[in-house]
């Protein structure tokens, strides 16, 4: 009985190792190249440009580039006036 148990254990071990080795690529084969991740999740050169284009909001801009220094904080990061509806001039 002991020899039978050892044989069954060896067979299961060999079967498991065979499945693992089947997933390993053969030596010398070309590996698929993974494209590097985009630096930002939007279609703009920089986070500030994405903010100016309206692709991200101010909170997302500050999350990506860090908070603005206190002296530079104002109504808008891109220099526009705060009221964008055009009712005040």
C-alpha atoms as a PDB file:
ATOM      1  CA  UNK A   1       0.000   0.000   0.000  1.00  0.00           C
ATOM      2  CA  UNK A   2       2.865   2.327   0.835  1.00  0.00           C
ATOM      3  CA  UNK A   3       4.465   1.800  -2.601  1.00  0.00           C
ATOM      4  CA  UNK A   4       1.149   2.463  -4.331  1.00  0.00           C
ATOM      5  CA  UNK A   5       0.730   5.761  -2.462  1.00  0.00           C
ATOM      6  CA  UNK A   6       4.283   6.822  -3.396  1.00  0.00           C
ATOM      7  CA  UNK A   7       3.618   5.953  -7.052  1.00  0.00           C
ATOM      8  CA  UNK A   8       0.365   7.927  -7.149  1.00  0.00           C
ATOM      9  CA  UNK A   9       2.032  10.924  -5.476  1.00  0.00           C
ATOM     10  CA  UNK A  10       4.911  10.810  -7.962  1.00  0.00           C
ATOM     11  CA  UNK A  11       2.494  10.625 -10.912  1.00  0.00           C
ATOM     12  CA  UNK A  12       0.508  13.618  -9.664  1.00  0.00           C
ATOM     13  CA  UNK A  13       3.727  15.593  -9.090  1.00  0.00           C
ATOM     14  CA  UNK A  14       5.016  14.830 -12.589  1.00  0.00           C
ATOM     15  CA  UNK A  15       1.663  15.811 -14.115  1.00  0.00           C
ATOM     16  CA  UNK A  16       1.642  19.115 -12.242  1.00  0.00           C
ATOM     17  CA  UNK A  17       5.240  19.933 -13.198  1.00  0.00           C
ATOM     18  CA  UNK A  18       4.494  19.040 -16.834  1.00  0.00           C
ATOM     19  CA  UNK A  19       1.674  21.593 -16.947  1.00  0.00           C
ATOM     20  CA  UNK A  20       3.905  24.307 -15.481  1.00  0.00           C
ATOM     21  CA  UNK A  21       6.695  23.594 -17.966  1.00  0.00           C
ATOM     22  CA  UNK A  22       4.210  23.770 -20.831  1.00  0.00           C
ATOM     23  CA  UNK A  23       3.699  27.461 -20.025  1.00  0.00           C
ATOM     24  CA  UNK A  24       7.409  28.314 -20.104  1.00  0.00           C
ATOM     25  CA  UNK A  25       8.554  29.584 -23.540  1.00  0.00           C
ATOM     26  CA  UNK A  26      11.283  27.675 -25.315  1.00  0.00           C
ATOM     27  CA  UNK A  27      14.776  29.180 -25.089  1.00  0.00           C
ATOM     28  CA  UNK A  28      15.560  31.626 -27.875  1.00  0.00           C
ATOM     29  CA  UNK A  29      11.956  32.475 -28.704  1.00  0.00           C
ATOM     30  CA  UNK A  30      10.941  36.107 -29.099  1.00  0.00           C
ATOM     31  CA  UNK A  31       8.930  37.433 -26.175  1.00  0.00           C
ATOM     32  CA  UNK A  32       5.978  39.723 -26.856  1.00  0.00           C
ATOM     33  CA  UNK A  33       6.836  43.331 -26.121  1.00  0.00           C
ATOM     34  CA  UNK A  34       4.435  45.186 -23.877  1.00  0.00           C
ATOM     35  CA  UNK A  35       3.871  48.834 -24.728  1.00  0.00           C
ATOM     36  CA  UNK A  36       4.965  51.193 -21.956  1.00  0.00           C
ATOM     37  CA  UNK A  37       2.055  52.729 -20.091  1.00  0.00           C
ATOM     38  CA  UNK A  38       1.042  56.227 -21.069  1.00  0.00           C
ATOM     39  CA  UNK A  39       2.422  58.828 -18.656  1.00  0.00           C
ATOM     40  CA  UNK A  40      -1.037  60.389 -18.265  1.00  0.00           C
ATOM     41  CA  UNK A  41      -4.517  58.909 -18.815  1.00  0.00           C
ATOM     42  CA  UNK A  42      -5.571  61.670 -21.225  1.00  0.00           C
ATOM     43  CA  UNK A  43      -4.671  62.862 -24.698  1.00  0.00           C
ATOM     44  CA  UNK A  44      -2.548  65.934 -23.928  1.00  0.00           C
ATOM     45  CA  UNK A  45       1.217  66.555 -23.676  1.00  0.00           C
ATOM     46  CA  UNK A  46       1.101  67.673 -20.041  1.00  0.00           C
ATOM     47  CA  UNK A  47      -1.446  67.675 -17.222  1.00  0.00           C
ATOM     48  CA  UNK A  48      -1.619  71.487 -17.380  1.00  0.00           C
ATOM     49  CA  UNK A  49      -2.538  71.305 -21.092  1.00  0.00           C
ATOM     50  CA  UNK A  50      -5.229  68.753 -20.293  1.00  0.00           C
ATOM     51  CA  UNK A  51      -6.616  71.131 -17.667  1.00  0.00           C
ATOM     52  CA  UNK A  52      -6.657  74.021 -20.153  1.00  0.00           C
ATOM     53  CA  UNK A  53      -8.479  71.832 -22.686  1.00  0.00           C
ATOM     54  CA  UNK A  54     -11.041  70.818 -20.057  1.00  0.00           C
ATOM     55  CA  UNK A  55     -10.075  67.134 -20.079  1.00  0.00           C
ATOM     56  CA  UNK A  56      -9.396  67.061 -16.327  1.00  0.00           C
ATOM     57  CA  UNK A  57     -10.562  69.200 -13.428  1.00  0.00           C
ATOM     58  CA  UNK A  58      -8.430  71.162 -10.977  1.00  0.00           C
ATOM     59  CA  UNK A  59      -8.445  68.396  -8.374  1.00  0.00           C
ATOM     60  CA  UNK A  60      -7.008  65.910 -10.911  1.00  0.00           C
ATOM     61  CA  UNK A  61      -4.425  68.485 -12.029  1.00  0.00           C
ATOM     62  CA  UNK A  62      -3.221  68.983  -8.447  1.00  0.00           C
ATOM     63  CA  UNK A  63      -3.169  65.214  -7.917  1.00  0.00           C
ATOM     64  CA  UNK A  64      -0.870  64.767 -10.937  1.00  0.00           C
ATOM     65  CA  UNK A  65       1.483  67.749 -10.556  1.00  0.00           C
ATOM     66  CA  UNK A  66       1.146  68.505  -6.857  1.00  0.00           C
ATOM     67  CA  UNK A  67      -0.462  71.458  -5.138  1.00  0.00           C
ATOM     68  CA  UNK A  68       0.254  74.981  -6.328  1.00  0.00           C
ATOM     69  CA  UNK A  69       2.343  77.144  -3.992  1.00  0.00           C
ATOM     70  CA  UNK A  70       0.215  79.531  -1.929  1.00  0.00           C
ATOM     71  CA  UNK A  71       1.548  82.619  -3.761  1.00  0.00           C
ATOM     72  CA  UNK A  72       0.536  81.198  -7.156  1.00  0.00           C
ATOM     73  CA  UNK A  73      -2.978  80.140  -6.211  1.00  0.00           C
ATOM     74  CA  UNK A  74      -5.631  82.219  -7.845  1.00  0.00           C
ATOM     75  CA  UNK A  75      -8.980  81.923  -9.536  1.00  0.00           C
ATOM     76  CA  UNK A  76      -7.680  79.656 -12.305  1.00  0.00           C
ATOM     77  CA  UNK A  77      -4.504  77.803 -13.137  1.00  0.00           C
ATOM     78  CA  UNK A  78      -4.541  78.836 -16.794  1.00  0.00           C
ATOM     79  CA  UNK A  79      -5.134  82.544 -16.180  1.00  0.00           C
ATOM     80  CA  UNK A  80      -8.759  82.734 -17.275  1.00  0.00           C
ATOM     81  CA  UNK A  81     -11.394  84.483 -15.221  1.00  0.00           C
ATOM     82  CA  UNK A  82     -13.440  82.389 -12.831  1.00  0.00           C
ATOM     83  CA  UNK A  83     -16.860  83.036 -14.391  1.00  0.00           C
ATOM     84  CA  UNK A  84     -16.945  81.055 -17.610  1.00  0.00           C
ATOM     85  CA  UNK A  85     -20.627  81.634 -18.454  1.00  0.00           C
ATOM     86  CA  UNK A  86     -19.894  85.115 -19.875  1.00  0.00           C
ATOM     87  CA  UNK A  87     -22.598  86.932 -17.917  1.00  0.00           C
ATOM     88  CA  UNK A  88     -20.148  89.360 -16.237  1.00  0.00           C
ATOM     89  CA  UNK A  89     -17.632  91.466 -18.079  1.00  0.00           C
END
